[in-house]
Amino acid sequence: MKAAKIVFSGFTWLNNPAKNLHLSNQLNFMQKIICRFFFLMLVLTPFFMNAQKPQINHVAVHVNNLQKSTEFYTKIIGLDTIPEPFHDGLHTWLSMGGKAQLHLIAGAPAGLVHDKYNHLCFSVASMENFVATLTKANVPYQDWPGKPNTITTRPDGVKQIFFTDPDGYWIEVNNDRK
């Protein structure tokens, strides 16, 4: 009697029990390897995906008057100073929440013009309270088109304003809490 052959996933099955046991063990071994591989991929993919994504560390802003800029970012924006390693009087580092930092670096020439499209953005819990802070400090603000003392409401409902720091860098403040 001739042995019948059955081909399944690259393995040949014979009607010979001794040979089938060997092939069955090979198939079980391969199934285990494949299952373990996919399990590891499922478990480790989020880790590697997050590990590979860059995270913001800092934004450096070249300023003309370090003391004036430091006062602006601490008293108007509300950032806290953090230790900086240089201790040379030319740097102020500020925490922007999370691990993000703002590095102010002295030495920029005065009077540089900056485009509104290039801006820093901070989110606040209360736009009304922040506008009151700007008004009290006599810092003019505007909406995106440039209308003074006006708040823009984006299509998604987020309110935003724009103003400049002492060096003319544009800042957006909004109430986006996402």
N, C-alpha and C. Protein backbone atom coordinates (compact mmCIF):
# COMPACT_ATOMS: atom_id res chain seq x y z
N MET A 1 0.85 -1.17 0.00
CA MET A 1 0.00 0.00 0.00
C MET A 1 0.90 1.23 0.00
N LYS A 2 0.54 2.20 -0.86
CA LYS A 2 1.31 3.43 -0.96
C LYS A 2 0.92 4.39 0.15
N ALA A 3 1.90 5.14 0.62
CA ALA A 3 1.62 6.13 1.66
C ALA A 3 0.96 7.35 1.03
N ALA A 4 -0.12 7.81 1.64
CA ALA A 4 -0.80 9.01 1.16
C ALA A 4 -0.07 10.22 1.71
N LYS A 5 0.06 11.23 0.89
CA LYS A 5 0.73 12.46 1.32
C LYS A 5 -0.29 13.57 1.47
N ILE A 6 -0.18 14.32 2.55
CA ILE A 6 -1.01 15.51 2.75
C ILE A 6 -0.04 16.66 3.03
N VAL A 7 -0.13 17.74 2.26
CA VAL A 7 0.76 18.88 2.46
C VAL A 7 -0.03 19.96 3.19
N PHE A 8 0.53 20.41 4.35
CA PHE A 8 -0.14 21.42 5.16
C PHE A 8 0.90 22.40 5.66
N SER A 9 0.78 23.64 5.31
CA SER A 9 1.69 24.70 5.75
C SER A 9 3.15 24.33 5.55
N GLY A 10 3.45 23.74 4.43
CA GLY A 10 4.83 23.43 4.15
C GLY A 10 5.31 22.12 4.74
N PHE A 11 4.50 21.41 5.49
CA PHE A 11 4.87 20.12 6.08
C PHE A 11 4.13 19.02 5.34
N THR A 12 4.80 17.93 5.08
CA THR A 12 4.18 16.78 4.42
C THR A 12 3.76 15.78 5.48
N TRP A 13 2.50 15.43 5.45
CA TRP A 13 1.96 14.45 6.39
C TRP A 13 1.82 13.12 5.67
N LEU A 14 2.30 12.08 6.26
CA LEU A 14 2.20 10.74 5.70
C LEU A 14 1.26 9.92 6.56
N ASN A 15 0.76 8.84 5.98
CA ASN A 15 -0.07 7.98 6.82
C ASN A 15 0.80 7.00 7.61
N ASN A 16 2.01 7.44 7.92
CA ASN A 16 2.94 6.66 8.74
C ASN A 16 2.99 7.32 10.11
N PRO A 17 2.45 6.73 11.17
CA PRO A 17 2.37 7.36 12.49
C PRO A 17 3.72 7.78 13.05
N ALA A 18 4.77 7.04 12.84
CA ALA A 18 6.09 7.40 13.39
C ALA A 18 6.60 8.68 12.76
N LYS A 19 6.45 8.79 11.45
CA LYS A 19 6.91 10.00 10.76
C LYS A 19 5.98 11.18 11.07
N ASN A 20 4.68 10.91 11.19
CA ASN A 20 3.72 11.98 11.50
C ASN A 20 4.01 12.60 12.86
N LEU A 21 4.41 11.80 13.84
CA LEU A 21 4.72 12.31 15.17
C LEU A 21 5.88 13.29 15.09
N HIS A 22 6.89 12.95 14.31
CA HIS A 22 8.04 13.85 14.13
C HIS A 22 7.59 15.16 13.46
N LEU A 23 6.78 15.04 12.40
CA LEU A 23 6.30 16.24 11.71
C LEU A 23 5.38 17.05 12.60
N SER A 24 4.56 16.38 13.41
CA SER A 24 3.67 17.06 14.34
C SER A 24 4.47 17.84 15.37
N ASN A 25 5.54 17.28 15.86
CA ASN A 25 6.40 17.97 16.83
C ASN A 25 7.04 19.20 16.19
N GLN A 26 7.44 19.07 14.90
CA GLN A 26 8.01 20.22 14.20
C GLN A 26 6.97 21.32 14.06
N LEU A 27 5.75 20.95 13.70
CA LEU A 27 4.68 21.92 13.55
C LEU A 27 4.36 22.60 14.88
N ASN A 28 4.25 21.83 15.95
CA ASN A 28 3.99 22.41 17.27
C ASN A 28 5.11 23.37 17.67
N PHE A 29 6.34 22.98 17.39
CA PHE A 29 7.48 23.83 17.72
C PHE A 29 7.38 25.15 16.94
N MET A 30 7.08 25.08 15.64
CA MET A 30 6.96 26.28 14.82
C MET A 30 5.78 27.14 15.27
N GLN A 31 4.67 26.51 15.63
CA GLN A 31 3.53 27.27 16.13
C GLN A 31 3.91 28.02 17.39
N LYS A 32 4.64 27.36 18.27
CA LYS A 32 5.07 28.02 19.52
C LYS A 32 5.99 29.20 19.22
N ILE A 33 6.92 29.01 18.32
CA ILE A 33 7.85 30.09 17.96
C ILE A 33 7.07 31.27 17.38
N ILE A 34 6.16 30.98 16.46
CA ILE A 34 5.37 32.05 15.82
C ILE A 34 4.50 32.76 16.85
N CYS A 35 3.85 32.00 17.71
CA CYS A 35 3.00 32.62 18.75
C CYS A 35 3.83 33.48 19.68
N ARG A 36 4.99 33.01 20.08
CA ARG A 36 5.86 33.80 20.98
C ARG A 36 6.34 35.06 20.28
N PHE A 37 6.68 34.95 19.00
CA PHE A 37 7.13 36.12 18.25
C PHE A 37 6.03 37.19 18.22
N PHE A 38 4.81 36.78 17.85
CA PHE A 38 3.72 37.76 17.77
C PHE A 38 3.35 38.31 19.14
N PHE A 39 3.44 37.49 20.18
CA PHE A 39 3.18 37.98 21.52
C PHE A 39 4.22 39.04 21.91
N LEU A 40 5.49 38.77 21.65
CA LEU A 40 6.53 39.75 21.96
C LEU A 40 6.34 41.03 21.16
N MET A 41 5.98 40.90 19.89
CA MET A 41 5.74 42.08 19.08
C MET A 41 4.58 42.90 19.64
N LEU A 42 3.53 42.22 20.05
CA LEU A 42 2.37 42.89 20.62
C LEU A 42 2.73 43.62 21.90
N VAL A 43 3.51 42.99 22.75
CA VAL A 43 3.88 43.58 24.03
C VAL A 43 4.93 44.68 23.88
N LEU A 44 5.91 44.48 23.03
CA LEU A 44 7.04 45.40 22.95
C LEU A 44 6.85 46.55 21.96
N THR A 45 5.94 46.42 21.02
CA THR A 45 5.77 47.48 20.02
C THR A 45 5.46 48.84 20.66
N PRO A 46 4.53 48.95 21.61
CA PRO A 46 4.30 50.27 22.21
C PRO A 46 5.55 50.82 22.89
N PHE A 47 6.33 49.97 23.52
CA PHE A 47 7.55 50.42 24.19
C PHE A 47 8.52 51.01 23.18
N PHE A 48 8.76 50.29 22.09
CA PHE A 48 9.71 50.77 21.09
C PHE A 48 9.17 51.96 20.33
N MET A 49 7.87 52.01 20.10
CA MET A 49 7.30 53.15 19.41
C MET A 49 7.46 54.41 20.24
N ASN A 50 7.19 54.31 21.55
CA ASN A 50 7.34 55.48 22.42
C ASN A 50 8.80 55.83 22.62
N ALA A 51 9.66 54.84 22.69
CA ALA A 51 11.08 55.09 22.93
C ALA A 51 11.71 55.80 21.73
N GLN A 52 11.18 55.61 20.55
CA GLN A 52 11.77 56.19 19.36
C GLN A 52 11.24 57.57 19.03
N LYS A 53 10.11 57.96 19.63
CA LYS A 53 9.55 59.27 19.32
C LYS A 53 10.33 60.35 20.07
N PRO A 54 10.76 61.38 19.35
CA PRO A 54 11.46 62.47 20.02
C PRO A 54 10.51 63.22 20.94
N GLN A 55 11.06 63.76 22.00
CA GLN A 55 10.29 64.61 22.90
C GLN A 55 10.98 65.95 22.98
N ILE A 56 10.18 67.00 23.13
CA ILE A 56 10.79 68.32 23.23
C ILE A 56 11.59 68.42 24.53
N ASN A 57 12.77 68.98 24.43
CA ASN A 57 13.62 69.19 25.58
C ASN A 57 13.61 70.67 25.95
N HIS A 58 13.97 71.52 24.99
CA HIS A 58 13.95 72.95 25.27
C HIS A 58 13.80 73.76 23.98
N VAL A 59 13.42 75.00 24.18
CA VAL A 59 13.40 76.01 23.13
C VAL A 59 14.35 77.10 23.61
N ALA A 60 15.28 77.50 22.76
CA ALA A 60 16.22 78.56 23.11
C ALA A 60 15.79 79.85 22.42
N VAL A 61 15.79 80.93 23.18
CA VAL A 61 15.42 82.24 22.65
C VAL A 61 16.56 83.20 22.95
N HIS A 62 17.10 83.80 21.88
CA HIS A 62 18.21 84.74 21.99
C HIS A 62 17.63 86.12 22.30
N VAL A 63 17.97 86.67 23.46
CA VAL A 63 17.35 87.91 23.92
C VAL A 63 18.39 89.02 24.07
N ASN A 64 17.90 90.26 24.02
CA ASN A 64 18.78 91.42 24.16
C ASN A 64 19.06 91.73 25.63
N ASN A 65 18.01 91.73 26.45
CA ASN A 65 18.15 92.08 27.86
C ASN A 65 17.67 90.88 28.69
N LEU A 66 18.61 90.11 29.21
CA LEU A 66 18.26 88.88 29.92
C LEU A 66 17.39 89.14 31.13
N GLN A 67 17.70 90.17 31.91
CA GLN A 67 16.93 90.47 33.12
C GLN A 67 15.48 90.83 32.77
N LYS A 68 15.31 91.67 31.77
CA LYS A 68 13.97 92.09 31.36
C LYS A 68 13.17 90.89 30.82
N SER A 69 13.81 90.05 30.01
CA SER A 69 13.13 88.88 29.46
C SER A 69 12.79 87.86 30.55
N THR A 70 13.71 87.66 31.49
CA THR A 70 13.45 86.73 32.59
C THR A 70 12.25 87.21 33.40
N GLU A 71 12.20 88.49 33.68
CA GLU A 71 11.07 89.05 34.44
C GLU A 71 9.76 88.86 33.67
N PHE A 72 9.79 89.08 32.36
CA PHE A 72 8.60 88.92 31.53
C PHE A 72 8.09 87.48 31.58
N TYR A 73 8.98 86.53 31.36
CA TYR A 73 8.54 85.13 31.31
C TYR A 73 8.15 84.57 32.68
N THR A 74 8.67 85.13 33.75
CA THR A 74 8.27 84.66 35.08
C THR A 74 7.02 85.38 35.57
N LYS A 75 6.95 86.70 35.42
CA LYS A 75 5.82 87.46 35.98
C LYS A 75 4.60 87.51 35.06
N ILE A 76 4.81 87.58 33.76
CA ILE A 76 3.68 87.67 32.83
C ILE A 76 3.21 86.28 32.41
N ILE A 77 4.14 85.46 31.92
CA ILE A 77 3.77 84.12 31.45
C ILE A 77 3.55 83.17 32.64
N GLY A 78 4.32 83.36 33.71
CA GLY A 78 4.14 82.53 34.90
C GLY A 78 5.05 81.32 34.97
N LEU A 79 6.16 81.33 34.22
CA LEU A 79 7.10 80.21 34.25
C LEU A 79 8.00 80.31 35.47
N ASP A 80 8.50 79.18 35.92
CA ASP A 80 9.42 79.14 37.06
C ASP A 80 10.85 78.96 36.55
N THR A 81 11.79 79.67 37.18
CA THR A 81 13.19 79.46 36.82
C THR A 81 13.66 78.13 37.39
N ILE A 82 14.60 77.54 36.68
CA ILE A 82 15.22 76.28 37.11
C ILE A 82 16.74 76.45 37.03
N PRO A 83 17.50 75.62 37.73
CA PRO A 83 18.96 75.76 37.69
C PRO A 83 19.50 75.60 36.26
N GLU A 84 20.48 76.42 35.93
CA GLU A 84 21.17 76.31 34.65
C GLU A 84 22.65 76.06 34.93
N PRO A 85 23.33 75.30 34.07
CA PRO A 85 24.68 74.85 34.40
C PRO A 85 25.80 75.85 34.14
N PHE A 86 25.52 76.94 33.44
CA PHE A 86 26.60 77.81 33.02
C PHE A 86 27.05 78.80 34.10
N HIS A 87 26.10 79.34 34.85
CA HIS A 87 26.40 80.30 35.93
C HIS A 87 27.28 81.45 35.43
N ASP A 88 26.98 81.93 34.21
CA ASP A 88 27.79 82.98 33.62
C ASP A 88 27.04 84.30 33.46
N GLY A 89 25.79 84.35 33.95
CA GLY A 89 24.99 85.56 33.82
C GLY A 89 24.43 85.78 32.43
N LEU A 90 24.63 84.83 31.53
CA LEU A 90 24.14 84.97 30.16
C LEU A 90 22.97 84.05 29.84
N HIS A 91 22.54 83.28 30.84
CA HIS A 91 21.47 82.29 30.60
C HIS A 91 20.45 82.32 31.74
N THR A 92 19.20 82.13 31.36
CA THR A 92 18.14 81.83 32.33
C THR A 92 17.39 80.65 31.75
N TRP A 93 17.18 79.64 32.59
CA TRP A 93 16.39 78.49 32.16
C TRP A 93 15.08 78.50 32.93
N LEU A 94 14.00 78.20 32.22
CA LEU A 94 12.67 78.20 32.80
C LEU A 94 11.96 76.89 32.46
N SER A 95 11.13 76.43 33.38
CA SER A 95 10.34 75.23 33.14
C SER A 95 9.06 75.61 32.42
N MET A 96 8.74 74.87 31.34
CA MET A 96 7.50 75.12 30.60
C MET A 96 6.48 74.02 30.87
N GLY A 97 6.67 73.25 31.92
CA GLY A 97 5.75 72.15 32.22
C GLY A 97 6.29 70.85 31.66
N GLY A 98 6.02 69.76 32.34
CA GLY A 98 6.58 68.49 31.92
C GLY A 98 8.09 68.57 31.97
N LYS A 99 8.73 68.09 30.93
CA LYS A 99 10.19 68.15 30.86
C LYS A 99 10.67 69.28 29.95
N ALA A 100 9.76 70.03 29.35
CA ALA A 100 10.12 71.09 28.41
C ALA A 100 10.66 72.32 29.14
N GLN A 101 11.66 72.93 28.54
CA GLN A 101 12.30 74.11 29.14
C GLN A 101 12.40 75.23 28.11
N LEU A 102 12.47 76.44 28.61
CA LEU A 102 12.74 77.61 27.80
C LEU A 102 14.09 78.14 28.24
N HIS A 103 15.03 78.26 27.31
CA HIS A 103 16.36 78.77 27.62
C HIS A 103 16.48 80.18 27.03
N LEU A 104 16.61 81.16 27.89
CA LEU A 104 16.85 82.53 27.46
C LEU A 104 18.37 82.73 27.43
N ILE A 105 18.86 83.26 26.31
CA ILE A 105 20.30 83.44 26.14
C ILE A 105 20.56 84.89 25.77
N ALA A 106 21.36 85.58 26.57
CA ALA A 106 21.66 87.00 26.35
C ALA A 106 22.56 87.19 25.15
N GLY A 107 22.48 88.39 24.56
CA GLY A 107 23.42 88.76 23.50
C GLY A 107 22.80 89.09 22.16
N ALA A 108 21.49 89.05 22.04
CA ALA A 108 20.86 89.36 20.75
C ALA A 108 20.87 90.86 20.51
N PRO A 109 21.02 91.28 19.26
CA PRO A 109 20.92 92.72 18.98
C PRO A 109 19.49 93.21 19.20
N ALA A 110 19.35 94.46 19.54
CA ALA A 110 18.02 95.05 19.77
C ALA A 110 17.32 95.31 18.45
N GLY A 111 15.98 95.30 18.50
CA GLY A 111 15.18 95.75 17.37
C GLY A 111 14.97 94.75 16.25
N LEU A 112 15.23 93.48 16.47
CA LEU A 112 14.96 92.50 15.42
C LEU A 112 13.46 92.32 15.25
N VAL A 113 13.02 92.12 14.01
CA VAL A 113 11.61 91.92 13.71
C VAL A 113 11.36 90.42 13.55
N HIS A 114 10.31 89.94 14.20
CA HIS A 114 9.98 88.51 14.14
C HIS A 114 8.58 88.34 13.57
N ASP A 115 8.40 87.29 12.78
CA ASP A 115 7.14 86.99 12.12
C ASP A 115 6.19 86.29 13.09
N LYS A 116 4.92 86.65 13.04
CA LYS A 116 3.92 86.06 13.93
C LYS A 116 3.74 84.56 13.68
N TYR A 117 4.01 84.10 12.46
CA TYR A 117 3.88 82.67 12.18
C TYR A 117 4.86 81.85 13.01
N ASN A 118 5.97 82.43 13.40
CA ASN A 118 6.93 81.76 14.29
C ASN A 118 6.65 82.24 15.70
N HIS A 119 6.04 81.39 16.50
CA HIS A 119 5.66 81.81 17.85
C HIS A 119 5.71 80.65 18.81
N LEU A 120 5.86 80.99 20.08
CA LEU A 120 5.71 80.03 21.16
C LEU A 120 4.25 80.05 21.59
N CYS A 121 3.75 78.92 22.04
CA CYS A 121 2.36 78.89 22.50
C CYS A 121 2.28 78.25 23.87
N PHE A 122 1.55 78.90 24.75
CA PHE A 122 1.30 78.39 26.10
C PHE A 122 -0.21 78.27 26.28
N SER A 123 -0.63 77.23 26.97
CA SER A 123 -2.04 77.06 27.29
C SER A 123 -2.28 77.42 28.75
N VAL A 124 -3.39 78.09 29.01
CA VAL A 124 -3.75 78.50 30.36
C VAL A 124 -5.15 77.97 30.70
N ALA A 125 -5.41 77.87 31.98
CA ALA A 125 -6.72 77.38 32.43
C ALA A 125 -7.82 78.41 32.19
N SER A 126 -7.49 79.70 32.35
CA SER A 126 -8.50 80.75 32.22
C SER A 126 -7.96 81.87 31.34
N MET A 127 -8.54 82.00 30.17
CA MET A 127 -8.14 83.08 29.27
C MET A 127 -8.46 84.44 29.89
N GLU A 128 -9.58 84.54 30.58
CA GLU A 128 -9.98 85.81 31.20
C GLU A 128 -8.96 86.25 32.25
N ASN A 129 -8.51 85.33 33.09
CA ASN A 129 -7.51 85.67 34.11
C ASN A 129 -6.19 86.07 33.48
N PHE A 130 -5.81 85.39 32.40
CA PHE A 130 -4.54 85.73 31.75
C PHE A 130 -4.63 87.10 31.07
N VAL A 131 -5.74 87.39 30.42
CA VAL A 131 -5.92 88.71 29.80
C VAL A 131 -5.87 89.79 30.87
N ALA A 132 -6.42 89.52 32.04
CA ALA A 132 -6.35 90.50 33.15
C ALA A 132 -4.90 90.74 33.56
N THR A 133 -4.08 89.69 33.56
CA THR A 133 -2.65 89.84 33.89
C THR A 133 -1.97 90.72 32.85
N LEU A 134 -2.26 90.49 31.57
CA LEU A 134 -1.67 91.32 30.51
C LEU A 134 -2.11 92.78 30.64
N THR A 135 -3.40 92.99 30.89
CA THR A 135 -3.93 94.34 31.01
C THR A 135 -3.30 95.08 32.18
N LYS A 136 -3.17 94.40 33.31
CA LYS A 136 -2.55 95.01 34.50
C LYS A 136 -1.09 95.39 34.24
N ALA A 137 -0.39 94.59 33.43
CA ALA A 137 1.02 94.85 33.13
C ALA A 137 1.20 95.72 31.89
N ASN A 138 0.11 96.21 31.31
CA ASN A 138 0.14 97.04 30.10
C ASN A 138 0.82 96.34 28.92
N VAL A 139 0.55 95.06 28.77
CA VAL A 139 1.07 94.31 27.62
C VAL A 139 -0.05 94.20 26.60
N PRO A 140 0.11 94.85 25.44
CA PRO A 140 -0.94 94.79 24.43
C PRO A 140 -1.04 93.40 23.81
N TYR A 141 -2.27 92.99 23.50
CA TYR A 141 -2.49 91.70 22.84
C TYR A 141 -3.45 91.91 21.69
N GLN A 142 -3.55 90.91 20.83
CA GLN A 142 -4.41 91.00 19.66
C GLN A 142 -4.88 89.61 19.26
N ASP A 143 -5.85 89.58 18.34
CA ASP A 143 -6.27 88.30 17.78
C ASP A 143 -5.33 87.96 16.63
N TRP A 144 -5.58 86.82 15.96
CA TRP A 144 -4.68 86.40 14.89
C TRP A 144 -4.60 87.43 13.75
N PRO A 145 -5.72 88.01 13.29
CA PRO A 145 -5.60 89.02 12.22
C PRO A 145 -4.92 90.32 12.67
N GLY A 146 -4.83 90.55 13.98
CA GLY A 146 -4.14 91.74 14.47
C GLY A 146 -5.03 92.79 15.10
N LYS A 147 -6.29 92.48 15.33
CA LYS A 147 -7.20 93.44 15.96
C LYS A 147 -6.86 93.53 17.45
N PRO A 148 -6.51 94.74 17.94
CA PRO A 148 -6.10 94.90 19.34
C PRO A 148 -7.19 94.51 20.34
N ASN A 149 -6.75 94.00 21.48
CA ASN A 149 -7.61 93.64 22.60
C ASN A 149 -8.77 92.71 22.20
N THR A 150 -8.49 91.78 21.30
CA THR A 150 -9.52 90.87 20.81
C THR A 150 -9.03 89.43 20.93
N ILE A 151 -9.94 88.56 21.31
CA ILE A 151 -9.64 87.14 21.45
C ILE A 151 -10.20 86.41 20.24
N THR A 152 -9.39 85.57 19.61
CA THR A 152 -9.83 84.73 18.50
C THR A 152 -10.43 83.46 19.08
N THR A 153 -11.53 82.99 18.50
CA THR A 153 -12.05 81.67 18.83
C THR A 153 -11.88 80.81 17.59
N ARG A 154 -11.04 79.77 17.72
CA ARG A 154 -10.79 78.87 16.60
C ARG A 154 -12.03 78.03 16.30
N PRO A 155 -12.07 77.37 15.14
CA PRO A 155 -13.22 76.51 14.81
C PRO A 155 -13.46 75.39 15.83
N ASP A 156 -12.41 74.97 16.55
CA ASP A 156 -12.59 73.92 17.56
C ASP A 156 -12.98 74.47 18.92
N GLY A 157 -13.24 75.79 19.01
CA GLY A 157 -13.70 76.39 20.25
C GLY A 157 -12.60 76.92 21.15
N VAL A 158 -11.35 76.69 20.81
CA VAL A 158 -10.23 77.17 21.62
C VAL A 158 -10.07 78.67 21.42
N LYS A 159 -9.94 79.39 22.54
CA LYS A 159 -9.71 80.84 22.48
C LYS A 159 -8.21 81.10 22.48
N GLN A 160 -7.78 82.12 21.71
CA GLN A 160 -6.35 82.43 21.62
C GLN A 160 -6.11 83.92 21.44
N ILE A 161 -4.96 84.34 21.96
CA ILE A 161 -4.49 85.71 21.77
C ILE A 161 -3.01 85.67 21.40
N PHE A 162 -2.52 86.79 20.88
CA PHE A 162 -1.12 86.91 20.47
C PHE A 162 -0.56 88.22 21.00
N PHE A 163 0.71 88.17 21.39
CA PHE A 163 1.42 89.37 21.85
C PHE A 163 2.91 89.09 21.72
N THR A 164 3.73 90.09 21.97
CA THR A 164 5.17 89.90 21.84
C THR A 164 5.87 90.03 23.19
N ASP A 165 7.01 89.36 23.28
CA ASP A 165 7.85 89.50 24.47
C ASP A 165 8.72 90.74 24.31
N PRO A 166 9.58 91.08 25.25
CA PRO A 166 10.39 92.30 25.14
C PRO A 166 11.28 92.37 23.90
N ASP A 167 11.61 91.21 23.30
CA ASP A 167 12.45 91.20 22.11
C ASP A 167 11.64 91.08 20.82
N GLY A 168 10.33 91.14 20.93
CA GLY A 168 9.49 91.08 19.74
C GLY A 168 9.16 89.67 19.26
N TYR A 169 9.54 88.65 20.04
CA TYR A 169 9.14 87.29 19.70
C TYR A 169 7.65 87.14 19.97
N TRP A 170 6.94 86.52 19.04
CA TRP A 170 5.50 86.34 19.18
C TRP A 170 5.18 85.19 20.11
N ILE A 171 4.16 85.39 20.91
CA ILE A 171 3.67 84.39 21.84
C ILE A 171 2.17 84.26 21.64
N GLU A 172 1.73 83.03 21.59
CA GLU A 172 0.29 82.74 21.59
C GLU A 172 -0.05 82.19 22.96
N VAL A 173 -1.17 82.60 23.50
CA VAL A 173 -1.72 81.98 24.70
C VAL A 173 -3.12 81.54 24.36
N ASN A 174 -3.44 80.29 24.70
CA ASN A 174 -4.78 79.79 24.43
C ASN A 174 -5.28 79.00 25.63
N ASN A 175 -6.53 78.56 25.53
CA ASN A 175 -7.11 77.79 26.63
C ASN A 175 -7.34 76.33 26.24
N ASP A 176 -6.53 75.84 25.31
CA ASP A 176 -6.61 74.44 24.87
C ASP A 176 -6.13 73.55 26.01
N ARG A 177 -6.95 72.62 26.45
CA ARG A 177 -6.59 71.76 27.58
C ARG A 177 -6.43 70.31 27.16
N LYS A 178 -6.19 70.04 25.88
CA LYS A 178 -6.02 68.68 25.40
C LYS A 178 -4.71 68.10 25.84
